[in-house]
Amino acid sequence: MDAARLFALGLRLILCLTQILLVRNAPMQPLRNLFIIAIMPSGESAQTWLEKGAEAYANMRLDEAGQDFQHAVEVDPHSAKAQLSLGVIYVFQYQNGVALQSAPLLDERGDVRPLTPEEVEAEAEKQRAQIAEQNATNGPSAEEHLKKALELELGHEQTMEYLAALYFWWRDPATAGLGPRHDVALQMYTRIAEINPRHRFANYVCGLIDYQKAFNIIRSILGFPPGRLADEESRRSLRAKVGPLLTDSAANFLRSLEIDPNNSDAMTSLGHVSSEQAYIAESTDESARLTAEAAEWYRKVYQSWEADAKATGQPWPPDEDNAAIIFERAPGNPPTPSFPPDARFMVPPSAPPPPPGMGAFTIVHRPTML
């Protein structure tokens, strides 16, 4: 028997033994994995599945894109790009899953009618259940694949952005509010800023998280008044609790302005910080100084909007006779990172809008006084 025939016979024997061992579930894991990949009906590589998933995503077929990225991970679990792509799909599914999906209720004439107290509670319970479900399914799946992608490619900026965004937007089932994982988000955004000091929004979000913590502490005081605290001891206690948070918050907002001098969200947030500091200031003079500082930041924001309107040919003010811009002492919204990898994707239209109450300003219209 010549060498060629002997080699072919030996190869056939190995394949037969492999099939037998697979059927018997024998402990030959590496060889079994190779065999399974070899006999996959489609025969596509991980890169092929990634390209299919990217095409499906670009056409807003998110479920199909998720299946394609899942196949890519199965073929090559050590592909950082495959783990990242699948993780991002789970991020969007988490966002969509915690958003209110209920249609408005209509009256007999087809007009939207207000909810009854019972219906309001039913909707709240529905949302709590949705959030709890997402916190147990899509949220952990997104975290798992994004963390795996980061292990495979340490310091990858887009992966860290999405992981940080997942932690930032994580919700509490009991209250439907943000914040349960803000400490982890802060760590991730801080790491992003350390790796890339010129990052477009990492410093801003760090400031936002610190400010939100201080905001919540101050608002938790029983009988919170609209003006400055009269009780000196209360002010002293609050300064000890939130003073460092407000200082760090302002420093981060200022760093973000160094990177983007036209960041009106950072300017608005600096006005909010100064307002909070004025509220708990040690003296009347200090409170007045900080209040004037807040007003100056708001004036800069107004000027920024005016310049943007003129540059784009929009009317300014929006309604010269009866429009007023009211600044709320509430944080703005962090931007959403773009979809990876190596392509320009749109945020899916099914992704929910930012939660209410997080806007940095509101434009309201008042009747003209004659």
Protein backbone atom coordinates (compact mmCIF):
# COMPACT_ATOMS: atom_id res chain seq x y z
CA MET A 1 0.00 0.00 0.00
CA ASP A 2 1.52 3.33 -1.08
CA ALA A 3 1.90 6.32 1.20
CA ALA A 4 -0.96 8.34 -0.39
CA ARG A 5 -3.54 5.58 0.05
CA LEU A 6 -2.32 4.96 3.60
CA PHE A 7 -2.72 8.64 4.46
CA ALA A 8 -6.25 8.76 2.97
CA LEU A 9 -7.27 5.66 4.91
CA GLY A 10 -5.89 7.10 8.10
CA LEU A 11 -7.78 10.35 7.57
CA ARG A 12 -11.06 8.49 6.98
CA LEU A 13 -10.46 6.48 10.14
CA ILE A 14 -9.89 9.65 12.18
CA LEU A 15 -13.11 11.19 10.85
CA CYS A 16 -15.10 8.04 11.65
CA LEU A 17 -13.70 7.91 15.17
CA THR A 18 -14.49 11.58 15.63
CA GLN A 19 -18.10 11.05 14.59
CA ILE A 20 -18.46 8.11 17.01
CA LEU A 21 -16.98 10.11 19.87
CA LEU A 22 -19.27 13.04 19.13
CA VAL A 23 -22.33 10.81 19.22
CA ARG A 24 -21.19 9.32 22.53
CA ASN A 25 -20.46 12.82 23.88
CA ALA A 26 -16.86 11.80 24.58
CA PRO A 27 -14.46 14.35 26.17
CA MET A 28 -12.71 15.63 23.05
CA GLN A 29 -13.77 19.30 23.25
CA PRO A 30 -11.14 20.93 20.97
CA LEU A 31 -11.53 18.33 18.24
CA ARG A 32 -15.32 18.41 18.58
CA ASN A 33 -15.42 22.18 18.11
CA LEU A 34 -13.28 21.97 15.01
CA PHE A 35 -15.50 19.26 13.57
CA ILE A 36 -18.72 21.19 14.25
CA ILE A 37 -17.36 24.28 12.53
CA ALA A 38 -16.26 22.20 9.56
CA ILE A 39 -19.72 20.73 9.01
CA MET A 40 -21.81 23.87 9.58
CA PRO A 41 -24.41 23.91 6.78
CA SER A 42 -23.76 27.54 5.82
CA GLY A 43 -20.00 27.43 6.14
CA GLU A 44 -19.83 31.21 6.70
CA SER A 45 -16.94 32.74 8.56
CA ALA A 46 -17.31 35.13 11.48
CA GLN A 47 -16.48 38.02 9.14
CA THR A 48 -19.26 36.98 6.78
CA TRP A 49 -21.78 36.92 9.64
CA LEU A 50 -20.54 40.34 10.75
CA GLU A 51 -21.06 41.75 7.28
CA LYS A 52 -24.56 40.25 7.10
CA GLY A 53 -25.38 41.66 10.53
CA ALA A 54 -24.10 45.10 9.55
CA GLU A 55 -26.30 45.09 6.44
CA ALA A 56 -29.35 43.98 8.45
CA TYR A 57 -28.67 46.66 11.05
CA ALA A 58 -28.28 49.36 8.41
CA ASN A 59 -31.77 48.45 7.18
CA MET A 60 -33.17 48.47 10.74
CA ARG A 61 -33.71 44.70 10.88
CA LEU A 62 -32.42 44.51 14.42
CA ASP A 63 -33.61 41.00 15.28
CA GLU A 64 -31.96 39.65 12.15
CA ALA A 65 -28.78 41.60 12.91
CA GLY A 66 -28.72 40.13 16.40
CA GLN A 67 -29.00 36.60 15.02
CA ASP A 68 -26.18 37.24 12.55
CA PHE A 69 -23.92 38.66 15.26
CA GLN A 70 -24.78 35.68 17.47
CA HIS A 71 -23.61 33.36 14.68
CA ALA A 72 -20.39 35.38 14.40
CA VAL A 73 -19.75 34.91 18.12
CA GLU A 74 -20.48 31.19 17.88
CA VAL A 75 -18.02 30.78 15.00
CA ASP A 76 -15.32 32.93 16.62
CA PRO A 77 -15.92 33.69 20.31
CA HIS A 78 -12.51 35.39 20.43
CA SER A 79 -13.52 38.06 17.93
CA ALA A 80 -13.71 41.36 19.79
CA LYS A 81 -15.71 42.86 16.92
CA ALA A 82 -18.31 40.07 17.07
CA GLN A 83 -18.68 40.35 20.85
CA LEU A 84 -18.97 44.13 20.59
CA SER A 85 -21.59 44.02 17.84
CA LEU A 86 -23.75 41.52 19.69
CA GLY A 87 -23.39 43.47 22.93
CA VAL A 88 -24.57 46.67 21.27
CA ILE A 89 -27.66 44.95 19.87
CA TYR A 90 -28.51 43.88 23.43
CA VAL A 91 -27.98 47.50 24.58
CA PHE A 92 -30.60 48.71 22.11
CA GLN A 93 -32.93 45.88 23.07
CA TYR A 94 -32.51 46.87 26.72
CA GLN A 95 -33.32 50.50 25.95
CA ASN A 96 -36.33 49.57 23.88
CA GLY A 97 -37.54 47.09 26.48
CA VAL A 98 -37.64 49.59 29.34
CA ALA A 99 -39.39 52.26 27.24
CA LEU A 100 -43.12 52.69 27.62
CA GLN A 101 -44.78 50.91 24.72
CA SER A 102 -48.41 51.73 25.53
CA ALA A 103 -50.62 53.51 23.03
CA PRO A 104 -52.48 56.61 24.31
CA LEU A 105 -56.05 56.06 25.47
CA LEU A 106 -58.78 57.72 23.40
CA ASP A 107 -62.25 58.93 24.31
CA GLU A 108 -65.46 58.38 22.33
CA ARG A 109 -64.52 61.15 19.87
CA GLY A 110 -61.08 59.72 19.26
CA ASP A 111 -59.27 62.37 21.31
CA VAL A 112 -56.52 61.50 23.75
CA ARG A 113 -57.94 61.43 27.26
CA PRO A 114 -56.09 61.66 30.59
CA LEU A 115 -55.48 58.48 32.53
CA THR A 116 -57.44 57.69 35.66
CA PRO A 117 -55.45 57.13 38.88
CA GLU A 118 -56.03 53.40 38.49
CA GLU A 119 -54.74 53.48 34.91
CA VAL A 120 -51.71 55.52 35.96
CA GLU A 121 -50.81 52.92 38.57
CA ALA A 122 -51.41 50.10 36.09
CA GLU A 123 -49.05 51.76 33.59
CA ALA A 124 -46.44 52.29 36.33
CA GLU A 125 -46.67 48.64 37.34
CA LYS A 126 -46.32 47.61 33.72
CA GLN A 127 -43.17 49.68 33.35
CA ARG A 128 -41.72 48.31 36.59
CA ALA A 129 -42.28 44.79 35.26
CA GLN A 130 -40.67 45.71 31.92
CA ILE A 131 -37.61 47.15 33.65
CA ALA A 132 -37.27 44.13 35.95
CA GLU A 133 -37.45 41.81 32.94
CA GLN A 134 -34.84 43.80 31.01
CA ASN A 135 -32.56 43.96 34.06
CA ALA A 136 -32.63 40.17 34.13
CA THR A 137 -32.28 39.50 30.38
CA ASN A 138 -30.99 41.99 27.81
CA GLY A 139 -29.08 44.10 30.34
CA PRO A 140 -26.85 41.28 31.63
CA SER A 141 -26.42 39.92 28.08
CA ALA A 142 -25.23 43.32 26.86
CA GLU A 143 -22.83 43.58 29.79
CA GLU A 144 -21.49 40.06 29.25
CA HIS A 145 -20.60 40.55 25.59
CA LEU A 146 -19.29 44.09 25.98
CA LYS A 147 -17.04 43.05 28.87
CA LYS A 148 -15.83 40.08 26.82
CA ALA A 149 -15.04 42.42 23.91
CA LEU A 150 -13.10 44.67 26.28
CA GLU A 151 -11.12 41.71 27.61
CA LEU A 152 -10.21 40.77 24.04
CA GLU A 153 -9.23 44.32 23.11
CA LEU A 154 -8.21 46.30 26.17
CA GLY A 155 -8.79 50.03 26.04
CA HIS A 156 -11.08 49.93 22.99
CA GLU A 157 -12.87 53.26 23.13
CA GLN A 158 -16.16 52.32 21.49
CA THR A 159 -16.58 49.27 23.70
CA MET A 160 -16.02 51.35 26.81
CA GLU A 161 -18.49 53.97 25.54
CA TYR A 162 -21.25 51.42 25.15
CA LEU A 163 -20.52 49.70 28.45
CA ALA A 164 -20.52 53.06 30.23
CA ALA A 165 -23.74 54.07 28.44
CA LEU A 166 -25.39 50.80 29.55
CA TYR A 167 -24.46 51.51 33.17
CA PHE A 168 -25.56 55.15 32.91
CA TRP A 169 -29.02 54.32 31.52
CA TRP A 170 -29.62 51.31 33.79
CA ARG A 171 -32.96 51.68 35.55
CA ASP A 172 -34.34 50.88 38.97
CA PRO A 173 -37.47 48.69 38.70
CA ALA A 174 -38.96 50.16 41.89
CA THR A 175 -38.84 53.79 40.76
CA ALA A 176 -38.23 53.51 37.00
CA GLY A 177 -35.49 56.10 37.61
CA LEU A 178 -31.87 56.26 36.55
CA GLY A 179 -28.92 55.92 38.87
CA PRO A 180 -28.61 52.35 40.23
CA ARG A 181 -25.33 51.79 38.35
CA HIS A 182 -24.05 55.36 38.07
CA ASP A 183 -21.02 54.57 40.26
CA VAL A 184 -19.87 51.93 37.76
CA ALA A 185 -20.65 54.30 34.88
CA LEU A 186 -18.54 57.00 36.55
CA GLN A 187 -15.60 54.59 36.83
CA MET A 188 -15.90 53.67 33.17
CA TYR A 189 -16.21 57.27 31.93
CA THR A 190 -13.27 58.27 34.13
CA ARG A 191 -11.22 55.52 32.53
CA ILE A 192 -12.25 56.70 29.07
CA ALA A 193 -11.16 60.26 29.92
CA GLU A 194 -7.82 58.98 31.25
CA ILE A 195 -7.12 57.03 28.06
CA ASN A 196 -8.39 59.81 25.80
CA PRO A 197 -8.22 63.20 27.58
CA ARG A 198 -9.80 64.85 24.52
CA HIS A 199 -12.81 62.53 24.49
CA ARG A 200 -15.88 64.36 23.24
CA PHE A 201 -18.14 63.81 26.26
CA ALA A 202 -16.57 61.58 28.96
CA ASN A 203 -15.72 64.53 31.23
CA TYR A 204 -19.19 65.98 30.74
CA VAL A 205 -20.92 62.76 31.82
CA CYS A 206 -18.63 62.45 34.86
CA GLY A 207 -19.74 65.93 35.87
CA LEU A 208 -23.34 64.99 35.22
CA ILE A 209 -23.20 61.96 37.51
CA ASP A 210 -21.58 63.90 40.36
CA TYR A 211 -24.11 66.70 39.97
CA GLN A 212 -27.04 64.28 39.96
CA LYS A 213 -25.85 62.73 43.23
CA ALA A 214 -25.62 66.14 44.88
CA PHE A 215 -28.98 67.15 43.41
CA ASN A 216 -30.67 64.05 44.83
CA ILE A 217 -29.16 64.56 48.29
CA ILE A 218 -30.31 68.18 48.47
CA ARG A 219 -33.80 67.32 47.19
CA SER A 220 -34.15 64.53 49.73
CA ILE A 221 -34.41 67.05 52.57
CA LEU A 222 -37.86 67.08 54.10
CA GLY A 223 -39.69 70.29 53.25
CA PHE A 224 -37.19 71.35 50.60
CA PRO A 225 -37.82 75.09 50.00
CA PRO A 226 -37.43 76.90 46.68
CA GLY A 227 -34.97 79.41 48.08
CA ARG A 228 -31.78 79.34 50.14
CA LEU A 229 -31.76 77.37 53.40
CA ALA A 230 -32.24 79.67 56.39
CA ASP A 231 -30.84 77.21 58.92
CA GLU A 232 -27.07 77.61 59.13
CA GLU A 233 -26.59 74.12 60.56
CA SER A 234 -28.53 72.57 57.67
CA ARG A 235 -26.38 74.43 55.17
CA ARG A 236 -23.22 73.30 56.93
CA SER A 237 -24.38 69.68 56.93
CA LEU A 238 -25.26 69.80 53.25
CA ARG A 239 -21.95 71.42 52.32
CA ALA A 240 -20.14 68.54 53.99
CA LYS A 241 -22.19 66.00 52.02
CA VAL A 242 -22.43 67.57 48.59
CA GLY A 243 -19.69 70.21 48.48
CA PRO A 244 -17.00 67.86 47.08
CA LEU A 245 -19.47 66.41 44.58
CA LEU A 246 -20.36 69.87 43.27
CA THR A 247 -16.69 70.87 43.10
CA ASP A 248 -15.77 67.74 41.13
CA SER A 249 -18.81 68.21 38.92
CA ALA A 250 -17.81 71.79 38.03
CA ALA A 251 -14.23 70.71 37.31
CA ASN A 252 -15.44 68.05 34.87
CA PHE A 253 -17.80 70.46 33.12
CA LEU A 254 -14.97 72.98 32.74
CA ARG A 255 -12.72 70.28 31.25
CA SER A 256 -15.45 69.40 28.77
CA LEU A 257 -15.66 73.07 27.77
CA GLU A 258 -11.91 73.12 27.16
CA ILE A 259 -12.46 70.33 24.64
CA ASP A 260 -15.64 71.84 23.15
CA PRO A 261 -16.03 75.56 23.96
CA ASN A 262 -19.51 75.55 22.36
CA ASN A 263 -20.92 72.81 24.58
CA SER A 264 -24.03 74.60 25.80
CA ASP A 265 -25.05 71.58 27.91
CA ALA A 266 -21.85 71.96 29.93
CA MET A 267 -22.48 75.72 30.31
CA THR A 268 -26.03 75.08 31.49
CA SER A 269 -24.82 72.45 33.94
CA LEU A 270 -22.23 74.85 35.34
CA GLY A 271 -25.09 77.26 35.96
CA HIS A 272 -26.93 74.50 37.80
CA VAL A 273 -23.87 73.73 39.94
CA SER A 274 -23.44 77.38 40.89
CA SER A 275 -27.15 77.56 41.79
CA GLU A 276 -26.82 74.58 44.12
CA GLN A 277 -23.68 76.04 45.68
CA ALA A 278 -25.50 79.35 46.23
CA TYR A 279 -28.33 77.48 47.93
CA ILE A 280 -26.00 76.05 50.60
CA ALA A 281 -23.45 78.87 50.72
CA GLU A 282 -21.84 79.77 54.02
CA SER A 283 -22.68 83.49 53.81
CA THR A 284 -25.14 85.81 52.13
CA ASP A 285 -22.35 87.46 50.15
CA GLU A 286 -21.08 84.09 48.92
CA SER A 287 -24.59 83.07 47.94
CA ALA A 288 -25.05 86.31 45.96
CA ARG A 289 -21.71 85.78 44.16
CA LEU A 290 -22.61 82.23 43.16
CA THR A 291 -26.09 83.27 42.04
CA ALA A 292 -24.53 85.90 39.77
CA GLU A 293 -22.09 83.27 38.48
CA ALA A 294 -25.01 80.98 37.60
CA ALA A 295 -26.76 83.83 35.79
CA GLU A 296 -23.60 84.50 33.80
CA TRP A 297 -23.42 80.87 32.63
CA TYR A 298 -27.07 81.00 31.60
CA ARG A 299 -26.39 84.23 29.70
CA LYS A 300 -23.57 82.48 27.80
CA VAL A 301 -25.93 79.65 26.92
CA TYR A 302 -28.47 82.15 25.62
CA GLN A 303 -25.77 83.79 23.49
CA SER A 304 -24.70 80.39 22.16
CA TRP A 305 -28.26 79.55 21.08
CA GLU A 306 -28.64 82.98 19.51
CA ALA A 307 -25.42 82.51 17.51
CA ASP A 308 -26.52 79.04 16.36
CA ALA A 309 -29.91 80.39 15.27
CA LYS A 310 -28.38 83.22 13.27
CA ALA A 311 -25.82 80.87 11.68
CA THR A 312 -28.59 78.56 10.47
CA GLY A 313 -31.03 81.30 9.47
CA GLN A 314 -33.53 80.51 12.24
CA PRO A 315 -35.58 83.28 13.92
CA TRP A 316 -34.34 84.48 17.28
CA PRO A 317 -35.87 84.66 19.81
CA PRO A 318 -38.30 81.88 18.84
CA ASP A 319 -41.21 84.28 19.44
CA GLU A 320 -40.01 87.80 20.12
CA ASP A 321 -43.21 88.92 21.86
CA ASN A 322 -44.01 86.17 24.31
CA ALA A 323 -41.23 83.58 24.56
CA ALA A 324 -39.13 83.11 27.65
CA ILE A 325 -36.38 80.59 28.28
CA ILE A 326 -36.65 78.98 31.68
CA PHE A 327 -33.58 77.16 33.00
CA GLU A 328 -34.31 74.17 35.20
CA ARG A 329 -31.84 73.00 37.81
CA ALA A 330 -31.71 69.52 36.32
CA PRO A 331 -28.93 67.80 34.35
CA GLY A 332 -28.81 67.53 30.60
CA ASN A 333 -28.56 64.36 28.53
CA PRO A 334 -25.31 62.60 27.65
CA PRO A 335 -25.02 61.92 23.92
CA THR A 336 -25.38 58.41 22.55
CA PRO A 337 -22.21 56.85 21.09
CA SER A 338 -22.28 55.81 17.44
CA PHE A 339 -22.75 52.18 16.50
CA PRO A 340 -19.58 50.11 15.90
CA PRO A 341 -17.68 48.65 14.21
CA ASP A 342 -15.88 50.36 11.33
CA ALA A 343 -19.04 51.73 9.74
CA ARG A 344 -21.41 54.66 10.06
CA PHE A 345 -24.67 53.44 11.51
CA MET A 346 -27.74 55.33 12.61
CA VAL A 347 -29.33 54.94 16.01
CA PRO A 348 -32.39 52.73 15.41
CA PRO A 349 -35.63 54.73 15.21
CA SER A 350 -37.11 52.30 17.72
CA ALA A 351 -34.66 53.45 20.39
CA PRO A 352 -36.60 55.37 23.05
CA PRO A 353 -36.18 59.09 23.62
CA PRO A 354 -34.32 60.30 26.73
CA PRO A 355 -36.37 59.99 29.91
CA PRO A 356 -38.53 63.00 30.80
CA GLY A 357 -37.34 65.52 33.34
CA MET A 358 -33.68 65.36 32.27
CA GLY A 359 -33.73 68.37 29.92
CA ALA A 360 -31.41 71.26 30.63
CA PHE A 361 -33.88 73.93 29.58
CA THR A 362 -37.46 74.47 28.49
CA ILE A 363 -38.92 77.07 26.13
CA VAL A 364 -42.32 78.22 27.31
CA HIS A 365 -44.71 80.75 25.84
CA ARG A 366 -46.40 83.43 27.89
CA PRO A 367 -49.30 85.61 26.71
CA THR A 368 -48.30 89.11 25.72
CA MET A 369 -49.10 91.66 28.46
CA LEU A 370 -51.03 94.61 27.01
